[in-house]
Protein backbone atom coordinates (compact mmCIF):
# COMPACT_ATOMS: atom_id res chain seq x y z
CA UNK A 1 75.05 41.82 106.60
CA UNK A 2 74.69 43.81 109.83
CA UNK A 3 76.92 41.44 111.75
CA UNK A 4 79.84 42.01 109.41
CA UNK A 5 79.74 45.79 109.59
CA UNK A 6 79.57 46.12 113.37
CA UNK A 7 81.63 45.26 116.41
CA UNK A 8 79.36 42.20 116.91
CA UNK A 9 81.92 39.90 115.25
CA UNK A 10 83.77 37.66 117.69
CA UNK A 11 87.12 38.91 118.93
CA UNK A 12 88.83 36.03 117.10
CA UNK A 13 87.11 36.85 113.80
CA UNK A 14 88.15 40.48 114.16
CA UNK A 15 91.79 39.45 114.64
CA UNK A 16 91.69 37.42 111.44
CA UNK A 17 90.11 40.22 109.41
CA UNK A 18 92.69 42.67 110.74
CA UNK A 19 95.51 40.27 109.83
CA UNK A 20 94.15 39.72 106.32
CA UNK A 21 93.76 43.48 105.88
CA UNK A 22 97.42 44.02 106.75
CA UNK A 23 98.35 42.11 103.58
CA UNK A 24 96.08 44.18 101.35
CA UNK A 25 98.92 44.99 98.94
CA UNK A 26 99.39 41.28 98.19
CA UNK A 27 97.38 39.38 95.59
CA UNK A 28 95.81 37.36 98.38
CA UNK A 29 96.69 35.48 101.55
CA UNK A 30 96.78 31.85 102.60
CA UNK A 31 95.39 30.57 105.89
CA UNK A 32 98.92 29.40 106.70
CA UNK A 33 100.29 32.94 106.36
CA UNK A 34 97.63 34.33 108.69
CA UNK A 35 98.21 31.45 111.10
CA UNK A 36 101.84 32.56 111.32
CA UNK A 37 100.82 36.18 111.88
CA UNK A 38 98.50 35.25 114.75
CA UNK A 39 100.51 32.41 116.24
CA UNK A 40 97.80 29.80 115.80
CA UNK A 41 97.77 26.38 114.16
CA UNK A 42 97.15 25.99 110.43
CA UNK A 43 94.12 23.86 111.26
CA UNK A 44 92.63 26.60 113.44
CA UNK A 45 93.23 29.18 110.72
CA UNK A 46 91.65 26.96 108.05
CA UNK A 47 88.56 26.52 110.23
CA UNK A 48 88.24 30.28 110.83
CA UNK A 49 88.59 30.98 107.10
CA UNK A 50 85.69 28.58 106.49
CA UNK A 51 83.58 30.50 109.02
CA UNK A 52 84.50 33.84 107.49
CA UNK A 53 83.65 32.47 104.05
CA UNK A 54 80.27 31.28 105.35
CA UNK A 55 79.64 34.87 106.53
CA UNK A 56 80.76 36.15 103.10
CA UNK A 57 83.65 38.10 104.61
CA UNK A 58 86.38 36.31 102.62
CA UNK A 59 86.39 34.50 99.28
CA UNK A 60 88.91 32.55 97.20
CA UNK A 61 90.89 34.62 94.71
CA UNK A 62 89.89 33.98 91.11
CA UNK A 63 92.27 31.48 89.57
CA UNK A 64 94.16 30.88 92.83
CA UNK A 65 92.54 28.17 94.93
CA UNK A 66 94.97 28.60 97.84
CA UNK A 67 94.72 32.41 98.05
CA UNK A 68 91.92 34.26 99.80
CA UNK A 69 90.85 37.90 99.81
CA UNK A 70 88.41 40.07 101.71
CA UNK A 71 85.03 40.52 100.06
CA UNK A 72 83.54 44.01 99.86
CA UNK A 73 81.61 43.23 103.05
CA UNK A 74 84.80 41.95 104.65
CA UNK A 75 86.66 45.12 103.67
CA UNK A 76 84.02 47.28 105.36
CA UNK A 77 84.22 45.17 108.50
CA UNK A 78 88.03 45.17 108.50
CA UNK A 79 88.08 48.95 108.03
CA UNK A 80 85.89 49.35 111.10
CA UNK A 81 88.15 47.09 113.15
CA UNK A 82 91.28 48.95 112.03
CA UNK A 83 89.65 52.30 112.81
CA UNK A 84 88.88 51.25 116.39
CA UNK A 85 92.36 49.79 116.74
CA UNK A 86 93.97 53.00 115.46
CA UNK A 87 91.95 55.19 117.82
CA UNK A 88 93.02 53.04 120.76
CA UNK A 89 96.67 53.29 119.67
CA UNK A 90 96.44 57.09 119.61
CA UNK A 91 94.90 57.04 123.08
CA UNK A 92 97.45 54.60 124.48
CA UNK A 93 100.53 56.25 122.97
CA UNK A 94 99.56 59.92 123.13
CA UNK A 95 97.56 60.03 126.34
CA UNK A 96 98.48 56.98 128.42
CA UNK A 97 102.13 57.05 127.31
CA UNK A 98 102.67 53.46 126.16
CA UNK A 99 105.23 52.57 123.51
CA UNK A 100 104.22 51.72 119.96
CA UNK A 101 104.73 47.99 120.52
CA UNK A 102 102.90 47.92 123.86
CA UNK A 103 100.00 49.98 122.55
CA UNK A 104 99.48 47.55 119.67
CA UNK A 105 99.21 44.63 122.10
CA UNK A 106 96.77 46.47 124.37
CA UNK A 107 94.70 47.76 121.46
CA UNK A 108 94.27 44.19 120.20
CA UNK A 109 92.85 43.26 123.59
CA UNK A 110 90.41 46.15 123.59
CA UNK A 111 89.25 46.99 120.07
CA UNK A 112 86.58 44.28 119.92
CA UNK A 113 84.84 45.81 122.95
CA UNK A 114 84.49 49.42 121.74
CA UNK A 115 80.90 50.57 121.19
CA UNK A 116 79.91 53.02 118.42
CA UNK A 117 79.28 55.65 121.11
CA UNK A 118 82.78 55.30 122.56
CA UNK A 119 84.32 55.20 119.09
CA UNK A 120 82.67 58.51 118.17
CA UNK A 121 83.80 60.09 121.45
CA UNK A 122 87.38 58.91 120.95
CA UNK A 123 87.46 60.36 117.42
CA UNK A 124 86.39 63.74 118.77
CA UNK A 125 88.78 63.63 121.73
CA UNK A 126 91.73 62.65 119.51
CA UNK A 127 91.08 65.29 116.85
CA UNK A 128 89.58 62.98 114.18
CA UNK A 129 92.84 61.35 113.09
CA UNK A 130 93.08 60.17 109.47
CA UNK A 131 95.82 57.68 110.31
CA UNK A 132 97.05 55.43 113.10
CA UNK A 133 100.16 56.65 114.99
CA UNK A 134 102.32 54.80 112.45
CA UNK A 135 100.84 56.82 109.59
CA UNK A 136 98.57 54.19 108.04
CA UNK A 137 95.25 55.56 106.74
CA UNK A 138 92.38 54.85 109.09
CA UNK A 139 90.23 53.41 106.28
CA UNK A 140 90.41 52.68 102.55
CA UNK A 141 88.51 55.81 101.56
CA UNK A 142 91.12 57.92 103.36
CA UNK A 143 93.94 55.92 101.78
CA UNK A 144 92.57 56.60 98.30
CA UNK A 145 92.93 60.38 98.67
CA UNK A 146 96.32 60.45 100.38
CA UNK A 147 99.67 60.17 98.57
CA UNK A 148 101.10 56.66 98.44
CA UNK A 149 104.69 57.58 99.26
CA UNK A 150 107.58 55.36 98.23
CA UNK A 151 109.67 52.75 100.05
CA UNK A 152 112.57 54.06 102.10
CA UNK A 153 114.58 51.23 100.53
CA UNK A 154 114.35 53.02 97.16
CA UNK A 155 116.49 55.96 98.34
CA UNK A 156 120.14 56.19 97.38
CA UNK A 157 123.04 57.56 99.39
CA UNK A 158 122.80 61.34 99.70
CA UNK A 159 119.04 61.48 99.25
CA UNK A 160 116.68 62.86 101.88
CA UNK A 161 113.00 62.38 102.67
CA UNK A 162 110.39 62.51 105.43
CA UNK A 163 109.08 59.36 107.12
CA UNK A 164 105.46 59.04 105.99
CA UNK A 165 104.14 55.71 107.25
CA UNK A 166 105.27 52.46 108.80
CA UNK A 167 103.11 50.09 106.80
CA UNK A 168 100.78 47.56 108.37
CA UNK A 169 103.09 44.72 107.31
CA UNK A 170 105.84 46.32 109.43
CA UNK A 171 103.51 46.80 112.39
CA UNK A 172 103.50 43.05 113.01
CA UNK A 173 107.23 43.22 113.89
CA UNK A 174 107.34 44.51 117.47
CA UNK A 175 111.14 44.61 117.49
CA UNK A 176 111.16 46.81 114.39
CA UNK A 177 108.50 49.10 115.88
CA UNK A 178 110.54 49.49 119.06
CA UNK A 179 113.71 50.28 117.10
CA UNK A 180 112.02 52.86 114.89
CA UNK A 181 110.43 54.59 117.86
CA UNK A 182 113.68 54.59 119.83
CA UNK A 183 115.53 56.20 116.89
CA UNK A 184 112.80 58.78 116.31
CA UNK A 185 111.92 57.32 112.91
CA UNK A 186 108.25 58.19 113.16
CA UNK A 187 105.88 59.90 110.70
CA UNK A 188 107.04 63.46 110.10
CA UNK A 189 110.70 62.76 110.91
CA UNK A 190 113.31 63.98 108.42
CA UNK A 191 115.96 61.46 107.36
CA UNK A 192 118.85 61.34 104.93
CA UNK A 193 120.66 58.28 103.60
CA UNK A 194 124.30 58.33 104.62
CA UNK A 195 125.20 55.08 102.88
CA UNK A 196 123.69 52.12 101.11
CA UNK A 197 125.42 48.75 101.30
CA UNK A 198 124.52 46.01 98.84
CA UNK A 199 126.92 43.64 100.57
CA UNK A 200 125.25 44.16 103.95
CA UNK A 201 121.80 44.63 102.40
CA UNK A 202 121.26 47.74 104.52
CA UNK A 203 120.86 51.51 104.72
CA UNK A 204 122.52 53.82 107.20
CA UNK A 205 120.40 56.87 107.97
CA UNK A 206 120.89 60.19 109.68
CA UNK A 207 117.69 60.80 111.62
CA UNK A 208 116.33 62.88 114.51
CA UNK A 209 118.35 60.89 117.07
CA UNK A 210 121.58 60.34 115.16
CA UNK A 211 122.44 57.38 113.00
CA UNK A 212 120.23 54.36 112.43
CA UNK A 213 120.78 51.24 110.34
CA UNK A 214 118.00 49.30 108.65
CA UNK A 215 118.03 46.23 106.46
CA UNK A 216 116.62 46.80 103.00
CA UNK A 217 113.71 44.46 103.65
CA UNK A 218 112.35 46.38 106.67
CA UNK A 219 113.23 49.64 104.92
CA UNK A 220 110.93 48.55 102.09
CA UNK A 221 108.06 48.45 104.59
CA UNK A 222 108.56 52.11 105.55
CA UNK A 223 107.19 54.71 103.17
CA UNK A 224 108.62 58.20 102.78
CA UNK A 225 107.83 61.45 100.96
CA UNK A 226 110.43 63.56 99.24
CA UNK A 227 110.62 67.33 99.49
CA UNK A 228 108.50 69.24 102.01
CA UNK A 229 105.20 67.40 102.45
CA UNK A 230 102.00 69.04 103.68
CA UNK A 231 102.09 69.12 107.48
CA UNK A 232 98.41 68.16 107.52
CA UNK A 233 99.40 64.66 106.43
CA UNK A 234 100.87 64.07 109.90
CA UNK A 235 98.29 63.97 112.67
CA UNK A 236 99.06 65.58 116.01
CA UNK A 237 96.83 65.13 119.04
CA UNK A 238 94.98 68.19 120.32
CA UNK A 239 96.50 69.67 123.46
CA UNK A 240 93.27 68.92 125.28
CA UNK A 241 93.84 65.20 124.65
CA UNK A 242 97.59 65.01 125.20
């Protein structure tokens, strides 16, 4: 379906596909969950899911009437949306100078309007990034050949690692994004666990800008790599772009 694999989808449909994609690690999503993500009514979300199903972009999960998943066509479309969104985030953070949280908001306003010509030019200008600025692979094919990493929450006191990616589920929390950026907890940053508190359900880290404390739940949404990872896993903008 040509419509599903291009930027011709409505801006609203693109927002839904992007939101569903952000829960790709889950068995499926409910319209109510996506409604909460997007700040819309459950009725509006249910109606959009029906439209997406009519376009064969989503389908009910087998054996779970309330859960929905992207179809193969929907995954292709969602990948394209995420790619355009990621390119805009690189432009807005690395060139324009916006914060992570602000760039996400602006990219959501703009990604539906990017033409294939502009998308190709942005990729070239930005050095063909394989990830968004938060370290998430720019499409599923890229994700399949990159290491998965492990949750920061799995580390014990005394262990060290390198921040690898702030998962898409974490990207929806603007306050968390702002805190991570302010503490320098970005892809490529070295961290060590100073303490782990079961009572407080938190980790205290030593990072690039001193100490930082994270609850175990948000820490589970941040993936790390142990040892000395390949520097090529962490995209840096070309000097000509920055």
